[in-house]
Protein backbone atom coordinates (compact mmCIF):
# COMPACT_ATOMS: atom_id res chain seq x y z
CA UNK A 1 -74.42 42.30 -2.11
CA UNK A 2 -72.92 40.47 -0.27
CA UNK A 3 -74.35 36.92 -1.06
CA UNK A 4 -74.61 35.90 -4.55
CA UNK A 5 -77.93 34.62 -5.75
CA UNK A 6 -81.25 34.17 -8.17
CA UNK A 7 -85.30 34.10 -7.59
CA UNK A 8 -85.41 36.68 -4.51
CA UNK A 9 -87.42 38.98 -3.89
CA UNK A 10 -86.67 42.23 -4.68
CA UNK A 11 -88.99 46.29 -4.20
CA UNK A 12 -87.67 49.69 -2.81
CA UNK A 13 -89.32 51.03 -0.20
CA UNK A 14 -88.08 55.41 1.40
CA UNK A 15 -84.85 55.48 -1.20
CA UNK A 16 -83.27 52.64 -0.03
CA UNK A 17 -83.07 48.85 -2.17
CA UNK A 18 -83.92 45.49 -0.61
CA UNK A 19 -82.89 42.08 -0.92
CA UNK A 20 -84.48 39.03 0.48
CA UNK A 21 -83.83 35.05 0.35
CA UNK A 22 -83.18 33.72 -3.65
CA UNK A 23 -81.44 30.67 -4.34
CA UNK A 24 -77.41 30.14 -4.50
CA UNK A 25 -74.77 28.30 -3.13
CA UNK A 26 -77.16 27.44 -0.83
CA UNK A 27 -81.13 28.53 -0.14
CA UNK A 28 -81.07 31.98 1.65
CA UNK A 29 -83.04 33.36 4.19
CA UNK A 30 -80.78 36.56 4.43
CA UNK A 31 -82.39 40.25 3.52
CA UNK A 32 -79.85 42.85 2.42
CA UNK A 33 -80.74 46.67 2.21
CA UNK A 34 -78.64 49.56 -0.52
CA UNK A 35 -78.84 52.27 0.23
CA UNK A 36 -77.51 54.63 -3.40
CA UNK A 37 -76.07 58.18 -2.41
CA UNK A 38 -73.63 54.98 0.00
CA UNK A 39 -73.06 52.85 -2.38
CA UNK A 40 -73.17 49.44 -0.25
CA UNK A 41 -74.96 46.77 0.66
CA UNK A 42 -75.47 46.31 4.82
CA UNK A 43 -76.56 43.13 6.16
CA UNK A 44 -79.71 42.77 7.85
CA UNK A 45 -81.39 40.12 10.57
CA UNK A 46 -82.83 37.07 8.36
CA UNK A 47 -85.91 35.68 7.56
CA UNK A 48 -87.90 33.39 10.18
CA UNK A 49 -87.54 30.85 6.79
CA UNK A 50 -85.10 30.49 4.09
CA UNK A 51 -86.47 30.76 0.40
CA UNK A 52 -85.93 31.25 -2.99
CA UNK A 53 -89.00 32.55 -5.54
CA UNK A 54 -90.58 34.83 -3.43
CA UNK A 55 -92.62 38.30 -4.55
CA UNK A 56 -91.85 41.64 -2.38
CA UNK A 57 -93.27 44.33 -1.46
CA UNK A 58 -93.68 47.70 0.34
CA UNK A 59 -96.10 49.34 1.74
CA UNK A 60 -96.79 51.79 5.01
CA UNK A 61 -92.77 52.19 5.68
CA UNK A 62 -93.19 47.95 6.16
CA UNK A 63 -91.96 44.80 3.90
CA UNK A 64 -94.10 41.99 2.94
CA UNK A 65 -92.33 39.11 1.63
CA UNK A 66 -94.47 36.11 -0.05
CA UNK A 67 -94.62 32.58 -0.55
CA UNK A 68 -91.80 31.12 -2.88
CA UNK A 69 -90.39 27.40 -2.61
CA UNK A 70 -88.56 26.26 1.17
CA UNK A 71 -86.58 23.93 2.90
CA UNK A 72 -88.50 21.19 5.54
CA UNK A 73 -87.24 19.11 7.47
CA UNK A 74 -88.63 15.43 7.94
CA UNK A 75 -87.53 12.77 10.53
CA UNK A 76 -87.64 9.21 8.57
CA UNK A 77 -86.89 5.71 10.05
CA UNK A 78 -84.93 3.83 7.34
CA UNK A 79 -83.50 0.89 8.49
CA UNK A 80 -83.64 1.36 11.41
CA UNK A 81 -81.84 4.47 12.59
CA UNK A 82 -82.68 7.98 11.80
CA UNK A 83 -82.52 10.04 9.11
CA UNK A 84 -82.83 12.97 8.62
CA UNK A 85 -84.17 14.39 5.11
CA UNK A 86 -84.83 17.55 3.81
CA UNK A 87 -87.15 18.88 0.67
CA UNK A 88 -88.50 21.74 -0.94
CA UNK A 89 -91.74 22.41 0.07
CA UNK A 90 -94.02 25.48 -2.03
CA UNK A 91 -95.16 27.77 0.90
CA UNK A 92 -98.20 30.43 1.59
CA UNK A 93 -96.09 31.68 3.82
CA UNK A 94 -95.39 36.10 4.06
CA UNK A 95 -93.06 37.28 6.49
CA UNK A 96 -92.95 41.23 7.38
CA UNK A 97 -90.06 43.62 8.37
CA UNK A 98 -89.81 46.27 10.13
CA UNK A 99 -86.40 48.47 9.34
CA UNK A 100 -88.21 51.18 12.38
CA UNK A 101 -88.07 47.51 14.75
CA UNK A 102 -85.33 45.62 12.19
CA UNK A 103 -87.05 42.82 13.40
CA UNK A 104 -89.21 39.89 10.95
CA UNK A 105 -92.65 38.72 12.12
CA UNK A 106 -95.09 36.11 9.60
CA UNK A 107 -98.66 37.79 8.94
CA UNK A 108 -101.52 36.00 8.05
CA UNK A 109 -100.69 33.34 4.97
CA UNK A 110 -101.10 33.06 1.82
CA UNK A 111 -104.63 31.37 0.57
CA UNK A 112 -103.06 29.04 -1.91
CA UNK A 113 -98.66 27.58 -1.83
CA UNK A 114 -96.86 29.93 -4.14
CA UNK A 115 -93.74 31.39 -5.94
CA UNK A 116 -92.25 32.96 -8.82
CA UNK A 117 -95.27 35.30 -8.71
CA UNK A 118 -95.89 39.19 -8.75
CA UNK A 119 -96.54 41.08 -5.68
CA UNK A 120 -97.32 44.13 -5.63
CA UNK A 121 -98.39 47.93 -3.96
CA UNK A 122 -102.67 48.31 -5.64
CA UNK A 123 -105.23 50.83 -4.37
CA UNK A 124 -102.92 50.08 -0.77
CA UNK A 125 -103.32 46.46 -0.21
CA UNK A 126 -100.41 44.41 -1.03
CA UNK A 127 -101.85 42.18 -4.72
CA UNK A 128 -100.14 38.41 -5.28
CA UNK A 129 -100.73 37.66 -8.99
CA UNK A 130 -99.95 34.16 -10.68
CA UNK A 131 -97.20 31.73 -9.90
CA UNK A 132 -96.65 28.70 -9.76
CA UNK A 133 -98.55 25.74 -7.20
CA UNK A 134 -96.85 23.46 -6.52
CA UNK A 135 -97.17 21.09 -8.10
CA UNK A 136 -95.55 23.79 -11.13
CA UNK A 137 -98.44 24.50 -12.73
CA UNK A 138 -99.29 28.14 -13.57
CA UNK A 139 -101.57 30.04 -11.24
CA UNK A 140 -104.10 32.65 -13.19
CA UNK A 141 -105.17 33.91 -8.95
CA UNK A 142 -104.52 36.98 -7.56
CA UNK A 143 -104.96 37.63 -3.30
CA UNK A 144 -104.77 39.55 -1.04
CA UNK A 145 -102.30 40.21 1.87
CA UNK A 146 -104.51 41.29 4.87
CA UNK A 147 -102.45 43.98 6.00
CA UNK A 148 -100.75 43.78 9.78
CA UNK A 149 -100.58 46.56 12.77
CA UNK A 150 -97.75 46.92 15.47
CA UNK A 151 -98.60 47.17 19.09
CA UNK A 152 -95.86 48.71 21.13
CA UNK A 153 -95.84 49.21 24.75
CA UNK A 154 -95.06 53.16 25.42
CA UNK A 155 -94.25 51.43 28.95
């Protein structure tokens, strides 16, 4: 990979390996793909939100990145001046990457905040299982991510 990282989302689609997000020297929003025939990593458009611990699955030619931990920025007033404070939050966001259009979009969010969850495709549905919530409590629940439909103008 072009970026050293752990806690990233990885899946395969049409013989290509995709890697998104993760944690290295910083929180990553980068996405990359590896074509094993060429033997090199290629940068893709970054996700809309940097995150680690997200799950990644592929269906219908699309990649679904679900949950994880991301940065939240807050403006806080301290000693009468503004200060920028950053902290990690557990996320419900689902982002979908379309390799044909080369772009990310958001999908319906998860019902529950979760990170380090298992994400797979089962019976033509993207399923998110387990993980941890924002209190670092293990989850035994599962949920289905509604599939996204892309519509394009032909003109």
